Protein backbone atom coordinates (compact mmCIF):
# COMPACT_ATOMS: atom_id res chain seq x y z
CA MET A 1 159.50 11.94 21.17
CA ARG A 2 158.18 15.65 21.83
CA PHE A 3 158.58 17.64 24.74
CA PRO A 4 155.15 18.06 26.75
CA LYS A 5 153.16 20.91 26.05
CA LEU A 6 153.63 23.47 28.90
CA PRO A 7 150.27 24.20 31.03
CA PRO A 8 148.76 27.55 30.97
CA LYS A 9 149.30 29.65 34.20
CA LEU A 10 146.61 29.88 36.64
CA GLN A 11 145.50 33.70 36.96
CA ILE A 12 143.25 33.48 40.05
CA GLU A 13 141.40 37.18 39.48
CA LYS A 14 139.77 35.96 35.99
CA LEU A 15 138.55 32.62 37.40
CA LYS A 16 134.91 32.45 37.59
CA VAL A 17 135.04 29.99 40.97
CA GLY A 18 131.24 29.46 40.65
CA LYS A 19 131.47 27.88 37.43
CA ILE A 20 134.06 25.65 38.05
CA MET A 21 133.27 24.75 41.28
CA ASN A 22 131.54 21.47 40.91
CA HIS A 23 134.83 20.28 38.61
CA ILE A 24 137.18 20.77 41.43
CA SER A 25 139.12 17.46 41.91
CA PRO A 26 142.84 16.72 41.34
CA THR A 27 141.49 13.72 38.90
CA LEU A 28 139.08 12.65 36.48
CA PRO A 29 136.19 10.78 37.61
CA ASP A 30 137.83 7.56 36.32
CA GLY A 31 140.85 8.60 38.87
CA ARG A 32 143.50 9.62 35.93
CA TYR A 33 146.13 12.25 37.16
CA LEU A 34 146.40 14.08 33.62
CA HIS A 35 149.22 16.83 32.58
CA TRP A 36 147.63 19.71 30.74
CA HIS A 37 150.07 17.78 27.70
CA ASP A 38 146.98 15.01 27.72
CA LEU A 39 144.32 17.09 29.25
CA ARG A 40 144.31 19.29 26.53
CA TRP A 41 142.81 17.02 23.67
CA ARG A 42 140.06 15.81 25.99
CA PRO A 43 136.17 17.39 25.76
CA PRO A 44 135.98 19.53 28.88
CA PRO A 45 132.53 19.09 30.77
CA GLU A 46 129.88 21.11 29.47
CA GLY A 47 130.31 24.78 30.23
CA LEU A 48 133.85 24.61 30.56
CA THR A 49 136.84 25.46 28.44
CA ARG A 50 139.79 23.70 28.46
CA GLU A 51 141.48 26.16 30.64
CA GLU A 52 138.82 26.71 32.68
CA TRP A 53 138.85 22.35 33.25
CA TRP A 54 142.48 22.31 33.79
CA PHE A 55 142.25 25.19 36.58
CA ALA A 56 139.81 23.12 38.08
CA LYS A 57 142.24 20.18 38.58
CA LYS A 58 144.93 22.66 39.55
CA ILE A 59 142.66 24.01 42.80
CA GLY A 60 141.81 20.73 43.59
CA ARG A 61 145.78 19.50 43.70
CA VAL A 62 146.64 22.58 45.84
CA SER A 63 144.30 21.46 48.19
CA ALA A 64 145.76 18.03 48.61
CA ARG A 65 149.20 18.96 48.21
CA VAL A 66 152.23 17.35 50.25
CA ALA A 67 155.06 19.37 50.44
CA ILE A 68 158.83 18.31 50.60
CA PRO A 69 160.10 21.41 52.26
CA GLN A 70 163.97 20.36 51.92
CA PHE A 71 163.80 19.87 47.90
CA LEU A 72 163.48 23.19 46.07
CA ASP A 73 163.07 24.10 42.37
CA GLU A 74 165.15 26.68 40.79
CA GLY A 75 162.59 29.61 42.07
CA GLY A 76 162.73 28.35 45.56
CA MET A 77 159.41 26.40 45.64
CA PRO A 78 159.57 23.18 47.28
CA PHE A 79 158.35 20.25 45.14
CA SER A 80 155.55 18.51 46.13
CA PHE A 81 152.95 15.51 45.62
CA CYS A 82 149.14 15.24 46.24
CA ARG A 83 147.79 12.80 48.37
CA LEU A 84 145.63 10.26 46.31
CA ASP A 85 143.83 7.14 47.13
CA VAL A 86 145.63 5.47 44.43
CA ILE A 87 148.76 6.09 46.09
CA ASP A 88 147.84 4.89 49.58
CA ARG A 89 146.58 1.68 47.86
CA ALA A 90 149.57 1.00 45.74
CA THR A 91 151.72 1.47 48.75
CA HIS A 92 149.22 -0.76 50.91
CA GLU A 93 149.38 -3.41 48.56
CA LEU A 94 153.24 -3.38 48.44
CA ASP A 95 153.26 -3.42 52.35
CA ARG A 96 151.24 -6.41 52.61
CA ASN A 97 153.25 -8.81 54.82
CA ASP A 98 151.32 -12.08 53.35
CA SER A 99 152.54 -11.10 49.89
CA ARG A 100 156.20 -11.06 50.97
CA ARG A 101 155.58 -14.07 53.14
CA GLU A 102 154.53 -15.90 49.81
CA MET A 103 157.09 -14.94 47.98
CA LEU A 104 159.94 -15.70 50.41
CA ALA A 105 158.47 -18.71 50.73
CA MET A 106 158.34 -19.41 47.13
CA MET A 107 161.98 -18.92 47.13
CA GLY A 108 163.06 -21.89 49.50
CA ASP A 109 165.83 -22.00 51.84
CA SER A 110 168.56 -19.36 52.51
CA VAL A 111 170.56 -20.99 49.61
CA ALA A 112 167.77 -20.46 47.09
CA ARG A 113 167.05 -17.04 48.25
CA GLN A 114 171.06 -16.17 47.73
CA GLU A 115 171.25 -17.93 44.33
CA TYR A 116 168.06 -16.09 43.45
CA ARG A 117 169.21 -12.78 44.80
CA ILE A 118 172.11 -12.74 42.73
CA ASP A 119 170.15 -13.76 39.39
CA GLN A 120 168.10 -10.16 40.22
CA LEU A 121 171.21 -8.23 41.22
CA ILE A 122 172.58 -9.17 37.80
CA GLU A 123 169.13 -8.97 35.77
CA GLU A 124 168.90 -5.19 37.28
CA ALA A 125 172.50 -4.51 36.40
CA ILE A 126 172.21 -5.25 32.86
CA SER A 127 168.54 -3.60 32.32
CA SER A 128 169.88 -0.38 33.81
CA SER A 129 172.81 -0.74 31.94
CA VAL A 130 170.78 -1.04 28.52
CA LEU A 131 168.50 1.88 29.88
CA GLU A 132 171.55 4.09 29.52
CA GLY A 133 172.48 2.77 26.21
CA ALA A 134 174.77 -0.32 26.75
CA LYS A 135 175.22 -2.42 23.75
CA LEU A 136 175.77 -6.03 24.66
CA THR A 137 176.52 -9.05 22.51
CA THR A 138 173.89 -10.97 24.50
CA ARG A 139 172.00 -11.28 27.96
CA ALA A 140 173.62 -14.48 28.49
CA ALA A 141 176.78 -13.45 27.71
CA ALA A 142 176.82 -10.71 30.22
CA LYS A 143 175.40 -13.00 32.92
CA ALA A 144 178.09 -15.39 32.27
CA MET A 145 180.69 -12.82 32.25
CA ILE A 146 179.34 -12.10 36.09
CA ARG A 147 178.94 -15.69 37.07
CA ASP A 148 182.68 -16.80 35.61
CA GLY A 149 184.05 -13.76 37.01
CA ARG A 150 185.96 -12.69 34.06
CA ALA A 151 187.06 -9.83 32.63
CA PRO A 152 184.28 -7.69 30.59
CA SER A 153 185.53 -7.86 26.72
CA GLU A 154 183.36 -4.99 25.60
CA LEU A 155 182.19 -1.52 26.83
CA GLY A 156 178.30 -2.65 27.46
CA GLU A 157 180.00 -5.36 29.69
CA ARG A 158 181.91 -3.39 31.58
CA MET A 159 179.01 -0.90 32.02
CA VAL A 160 176.92 -4.43 33.30
CA LEU A 161 179.76 -5.02 35.61
CA ASN A 162 180.49 -1.90 37.33
CA ASN A 163 176.53 -1.74 37.92
CA TYR A 164 176.45 -4.98 39.25
CA ASN A 165 179.32 -3.95 41.77
CA ALA A 166 178.00 -0.51 42.46
CA MET A 167 174.53 -2.08 43.68
CA ARG A 168 176.29 -4.84 45.73
CA ARG A 169 177.82 -2.07 47.55
CA LEU A 170 174.91 0.22 48.24
CA LEU A 171 172.94 -3.27 49.34
CA ALA A 172 175.91 -4.02 52.06
CA ILE A 173 175.57 0.05 53.56
CA GLY A 174 171.85 -0.41 53.69
CA ASP A 175 171.57 -0.13 57.57
CA ARG A 176 173.39 2.90 58.07
CA ASP A 177 173.24 6.79 56.99
CA LEU A 178 174.90 7.61 53.66
CA THR A 179 177.30 10.23 53.19
CA VAL A 180 178.90 12.40 50.35
CA ASP A 181 181.85 9.64 50.33
CA ASP A 182 179.67 7.06 49.92
CA LEU A 183 177.92 8.20 46.85
CA LEU A 184 181.20 9.52 45.40
CA GLU A 185 182.58 5.98 45.92
CA ILE A 186 179.49 4.35 44.26
CA HIS A 187 179.92 6.60 41.10
CA GLY A 188 183.33 5.88 41.09
CA VAL A 189 182.43 1.79 40.79
CA LEU A 190 179.59 2.77 38.37
CA GLY A 191 181.83 4.81 36.24
CA GLU A 192 185.40 2.70 35.95
CA ASP A 193 185.86 2.71 32.48
CA ALA A 194 182.37 3.22 31.23
CA LEU A 195 181.89 6.83 31.42
CA GLU A 196 181.69 9.22 27.98
CA VAL A 197 183.95 11.89 29.81
CA PRO A 198 187.19 10.77 31.00
CA ASP A 199 188.39 11.39 34.57
CA CYS A 200 184.63 12.07 35.71
CA ALA A 201 184.12 9.61 37.97
CA ALA A 202 183.78 9.58 41.71
CA ARG A 203 183.50 13.62 41.85
CA PHE A 204 180.85 16.32 40.79
CA ARG A 205 180.34 18.29 37.94
CA ARG A 206 182.13 21.48 37.73
CA SER A 207 180.93 24.85 36.56
CA ASP A 208 182.99 24.65 32.82
CA GLU A 209 180.96 21.10 32.09
CA GLU A 210 178.09 21.66 30.58
CA VAL A 211 175.28 18.97 31.20
CA ARG A 212 171.62 18.75 29.76
CA VAL A 213 169.36 16.52 28.79
CA GLU A 214 168.68 16.24 25.31
CA ASP A 215 166.01 14.32 22.76
CA ALA A 216 168.34 11.39 20.95
CA THR A 217 167.13 11.82 17.82
CA THR A 218 165.75 15.61 17.63
CA GLY A 219 168.79 17.08 19.80
CA GLU A 220 165.68 19.17 21.63
CA VAL A 221 166.71 19.98 25.33
CA TRP A 222 163.97 18.69 27.87
CA PHE A 223 166.12 19.54 31.06
CA VAL A 224 169.16 21.84 32.16
CA PRO A 225 169.92 20.84 35.95
CA PRO A 226 170.94 23.37 38.79
CA PRO A 227 174.45 25.12 38.38
CA ALA A 228 177.33 23.29 39.60
CA ASP A 229 177.77 25.88 42.48
CA GLN A 230 174.63 24.95 43.91
CA ILE A 231 175.54 21.20 44.23
CA PRO A 232 177.34 21.16 47.22
CA ARG A 233 174.27 22.33 49.26
CA ARG A 234 171.57 21.03 47.32
CA PHE A 235 173.26 17.66 47.73
CA ALA A 236 173.55 18.15 51.45
CA ALA A 237 169.69 18.47 51.51
CA LEU A 238 169.32 15.35 49.62
CA LEU A 239 171.33 13.56 51.84
CA ALA A 240 169.68 15.06 54.67
CA PHE A 241 166.29 13.75 53.31
CA ALA A 242 167.81 10.49 52.78
CA ASN A 243 168.98 9.94 56.07
CA GLU A 244 166.12 11.06 58.08
CA ARG A 245 164.41 8.57 60.29
CA ASP A 246 161.65 10.52 62.70
CA SER A 247 160.48 13.51 60.37
CA LYS A 248 157.73 15.51 62.46
CA ALA A 249 155.18 14.81 59.08
CA PHE A 250 154.97 10.83 57.96
CA LEU A 251 156.21 10.14 54.55
CA HIS A 252 155.68 6.71 53.33
CA PRO A 253 159.07 4.78 52.86
CA LEU A 254 158.10 3.66 49.47
CA VAL A 255 157.45 7.77 48.35
CA ARG A 256 160.42 8.69 49.85
CA ALA A 257 162.41 6.14 47.62
CA ILE A 258 160.60 7.21 44.94
CA VAL A 259 161.17 10.99 45.27
CA LEU A 260 164.94 10.64 46.03
CA HIS A 261 165.28 8.73 42.55
CA PHE A 262 163.41 11.90 40.79
CA TRP A 263 165.70 14.22 43.29
CA LEU A 264 169.24 12.65 42.31
CA ALA A 265 168.06 12.81 38.66
CA TYR A 266 166.94 16.37 38.97
CA LEU A 267 170.17 17.44 40.60
CA HIS A 268 172.27 15.68 37.99
CA PRO A 269 175.20 16.07 40.21
CA PHE A 270 177.68 14.11 38.02
CA VAL A 271 178.95 14.52 34.45
CA ASP A 272 177.59 11.47 33.43
CA GLY A 273 175.92 8.04 35.04
CA ASN A 274 173.39 10.18 36.89
CA GLY A 275 170.13 7.72 36.04
CA ARG A 276 172.47 4.68 37.28
CA MET A 277 172.85 6.67 40.48
CA ALA A 278 169.38 7.70 40.96
CA ARG A 279 168.16 3.93 40.63
CA ALA A 280 170.64 2.78 42.94
CA LEU A 281 170.09 5.39 45.23
CA PHE A 282 166.08 4.01 45.21
CA TYR A 283 167.30 0.49 45.86
CA TRP A 284 169.31 1.71 48.75
CA GLN A 285 166.25 3.90 50.45
CA MET A 286 164.08 0.75 50.01
CA LEU A 287 166.23 -1.46 51.91
CA ARG A 288 166.68 1.31 55.02
CA GLY A 289 162.74 1.66 54.95
CA GLY A 290 162.46 -2.10 55.77
CA TYR A 291 161.69 -3.45 51.89
CA ASP A 292 163.82 -6.29 51.93
CA PHE A 293 162.38 -7.63 48.82
CA ALA A 294 163.55 -4.82 47.27
CA GLN A 295 167.17 -6.79 46.65
CA TYR A 296 164.82 -9.45 44.61
CA LEU A 297 163.42 -6.81 42.18
CA SER A 298 164.28 -5.40 39.08
CA ILE A 299 162.69 -2.11 38.05
CA SER A 300 164.73 -1.19 34.92
CA GLY A 301 163.21 -4.00 33.02
CA PRO A 302 159.76 -2.52 33.25
CA ILE A 303 160.96 1.08 32.69
CA ASP A 304 163.23 0.30 29.45
CA ARG A 305 160.18 -1.50 28.08
CA SER A 306 158.38 1.74 28.44
CA ARG A 307 160.77 4.51 28.11
CA ARG A 308 158.71 7.13 26.80
CA THR A 309 156.29 7.31 30.10
CA TYR A 310 159.64 7.11 32.24
CA TYR A 311 160.87 10.12 30.37
CA LEU A 312 157.95 11.93 30.19
CA SER A 313 157.00 11.34 34.06
CA PHE A 314 159.82 13.65 34.37
CA ALA A 315 159.03 16.05 32.21
CA TYR A 316 155.23 16.16 33.38
CA THR A 317 156.84 17.04 37.24
CA GLU A 318 159.42 19.54 35.88
CA THR A 319 156.82 21.58 33.81
CA ASP A 320 153.87 21.46 36.39
CA ASP A 321 155.34 23.32 39.06
CA GLY A 322 157.07 20.61 40.44
CA ASP A 323 154.04 18.05 41.04
CA LEU A 324 155.95 14.71 41.81
CA THR A 325 152.62 13.22 41.38
CA TYR A 326 153.40 11.95 38.02
CA PHE A 327 156.64 10.29 38.74
CA ILE A 328 155.34 8.84 41.82
CA LEU A 329 152.32 7.18 40.26
CA HIS A 330 154.39 6.00 37.31
CA GLN A 331 156.95 4.74 39.79
CA LEU A 332 154.44 2.74 41.92
CA GLN A 333 153.24 1.40 38.62
CA VAL A 334 156.58 0.18 37.68
CA LEU A 335 156.81 -1.33 41.47
CA ARG A 336 153.93 -2.96 40.71
CA LYS A 337 154.95 -4.68 37.44
CA ALA A 338 158.20 -5.52 39.00
CA THR A 339 156.61 -7.47 41.73
CA GLU A 340 153.88 -8.81 39.44
CA ASN A 341 157.20 -10.24 37.36
CA LEU A 342 158.81 -11.49 40.49
CA ARG A 343 155.65 -13.56 41.63
CA LYS A 344 155.29 -15.08 38.16
CA HIS A 345 158.99 -16.18 37.81
CA LEU A 346 158.87 -17.48 41.35
CA ARG A 347 155.60 -19.59 40.94
CA GLU A 348 157.12 -21.11 38.09
CA ARG A 349 160.66 -21.70 39.48
CA PHE A 350 158.88 -23.00 42.85
CA GLU A 351 157.09 -25.65 40.40
CA ARG A 352 160.56 -26.21 38.82
CA MET A 353 162.51 -26.47 41.85
CA ARG A 354 159.96 -28.40 43.39
CA GLU A 355 160.21 -31.02 40.90
CA LEU A 356 164.36 -30.92 40.63
CA GLY A 357 164.29 -31.13 44.24
CA THR A 358 162.67 -34.58 43.76
CA ALA A 359 165.02 -35.55 41.22
CA VAL A 360 168.15 -34.49 43.60
CA SER A 361 166.81 -36.24 46.35
CA GLY A 362 169.75 -38.49 46.69
CA THR A 363 172.44 -35.69 46.92
CA GLU A 364 171.97 -35.10 50.67
CA SER A 365 175.43 -35.74 51.01
CA LEU A 366 176.29 -32.70 49.19
CA ASN A 367 177.22 -29.49 50.80
CA HIS A 368 174.69 -26.34 50.10
CA ARG A 369 176.85 -24.59 47.47
CA GLN A 370 177.19 -28.26 45.62
CA GLN A 371 173.38 -28.42 45.89
CA ALA A 372 173.24 -24.83 44.54
CA ALA A 373 175.78 -25.29 41.72
CA LEU A 374 174.09 -29.05 40.33
CA LEU A 375 170.54 -27.39 40.06
CA TYR A 376 172.17 -24.18 38.48
CA SER A 377 174.06 -26.55 36.39
CA ILE A 378 170.55 -28.61 35.45
CA ARG A 379 168.83 -25.35 34.78
CA ASN A 380 171.27 -23.27 32.58
CA PRO A 381 173.26 -26.77 30.76
CA HIS A 382 174.72 -24.56 28.10
CA VAL A 383 176.18 -22.26 30.27
CA GLY A 384 178.61 -24.33 32.32
CA LEU A 385 180.31 -23.34 35.63
CA THR A 386 184.09 -22.11 36.29
CA VAL A 387 185.70 -22.38 39.72
CA ARG A 388 186.14 -18.96 39.47
CA GLY A 389 182.78 -18.07 39.24
CA HIS A 390 181.49 -20.62 41.54
CA ALA A 391 184.11 -18.88 44.40
CA LYS A 392 182.51 -15.61 43.71
CA SER A 393 178.92 -16.45 43.77
CA HIS A 394 179.13 -18.31 47.23
CA GLY A 395 181.99 -16.14 48.84
CA VAL A 396 184.39 -19.02 49.17
CA ALA A 397 188.41 -19.29 48.25
CA TYR A 398 188.98 -20.53 44.98
CA LEU A 399 190.34 -23.78 46.64
CA THR A 400 187.26 -24.45 48.26
CA ALA A 401 185.28 -23.57 45.16
CA ARG A 402 187.66 -25.97 43.44
CA SER A 403 187.16 -28.85 45.95
CA ASP A 404 183.26 -28.29 45.46
CA LEU A 405 183.25 -28.52 41.77
CA LYS A 406 185.74 -31.58 41.12
CA ASP A 407 183.87 -33.40 43.94
CA LEU A 408 180.73 -33.24 41.71
CA GLU A 409 182.79 -34.35 38.76
CA THR A 410 184.27 -37.28 40.79
CA ARG A 411 180.77 -38.33 41.89
CA GLY A 412 179.35 -38.27 38.15
CA PHE A 413 177.55 -35.18 38.23
CA LEU A 414 179.34 -32.43 36.38
CA ARG A 415 182.30 -33.00 33.44
CA HIS A 416 184.78 -30.43 32.80
CA VAL A 417 185.82 -29.10 29.47
CA ARG A 418 189.13 -26.77 28.89
CA ALA A 419 187.89 -23.35 27.83
CA GLY A 420 190.96 -20.93 26.96
CA ARG A 421 192.81 -20.69 30.07
CA GLU A 422 189.96 -21.99 32.30
CA HIS A 423 188.14 -25.61 33.01
CA ARG A 424 184.27 -25.19 32.48
CA PHE A 425 181.99 -27.84 34.03
CA PHE A 426 178.51 -29.11 32.32
CA GLN A 427 176.16 -31.28 33.29
CA ASN A 428 177.24 -35.32 32.98
CA GLN A 429 174.94 -37.87 31.84
CA LEU A 430 173.75 -38.60 35.28
CA ALA A 431 172.85 -34.78 35.66
CA ASN A 432 170.89 -35.13 32.33
CA LYS A 433 168.97 -38.20 33.56
CA LEU A 434 167.90 -36.00 36.67
CA ALA A 435 167.04 -33.45 34.83
CA ARG A 436 164.78 -35.41 32.84
CA SER A 437 163.20 -37.30 35.45
CA GLY A 438 162.56 -34.16 37.31
CA ALA A 439 161.82 -31.79 34.70
């Protein structure tokens, strides 16, 4: 993937304003917000050169510019974004309360929501780790590792487990201001035995540690972050922005979360793990902004399926006077896809669960953990349950979890098989009958 072509510099004194006046607009007529790298290949309006057409776009963007005064580039200029109708529409769509109510209704009761929340946190942990180079035997094995509470057997699994634990920690502190110590702690959780450079977890990079973003194939340098001696000052500004509640100028909470995602990646304060930290910080800001459904979304999945546009959105911003619009538009598209995936999955799950609920109608005497375990075993017949995994998923003691599963075995719903040093509980014949009758 080639680094984008740098835009030509705007030279006001050479512009013939009357010539470009009718073409001043931040976007193309079809609404696209193009970087010079893409615009230069398209035929300009009659009578204009491509450079003049680009300058018309730039003038239109300056007039709609919203600066982030705390976020400065190397030259001391603030990063900014262009206020566009497409951004307002996208944030409005994600703000719709009826959509949130629809999603929560399809998730079911609090037990089902907790189960789904765990599933999605695991999914995000896996996708975010794969995006950063984690190699996994299978995604199913990584999921089972977290569910069962077993120790990771390879580096890829260690990355996934660390990511999962870090996400849970960040979600737990979503209702209070973040501190430097909080983020260093999160980085320590992310980096435990899982970073390329030894002893670089839970601390900022030093001046003697060269960090830069390179193309994995060509070795071309795409980005060199600000010097290490600037990190404390810049990080303080980032945290002030993240914790800000009553700013004079309104900034939509979703846009704020996306800016933070970019900001931490731009600052690159750590030797390794910056991408995972940036996406985790995005989730924290979403929750702080009142978007509770964020804990059910996985943004790393859509990003991983379109890595090129993700990395280009960073490069477009960095090469076009700190214009964050490219990254904001990309991330709003990612959020739209993640939300669509969530709705689709929930509708399918709602239908399955409604059928399974009918099939398990004779199990009212089971507690909510046992019902969740039984439904999980029916949906995942070849995975099985362990006492340790059941205890971790529901936050209960080992003996309580063991009692749950043994009771299900006594009732005929589950059977246990010895697997190494643990017992794994699978569907029994009765559970299979329920699955067939309900699904």
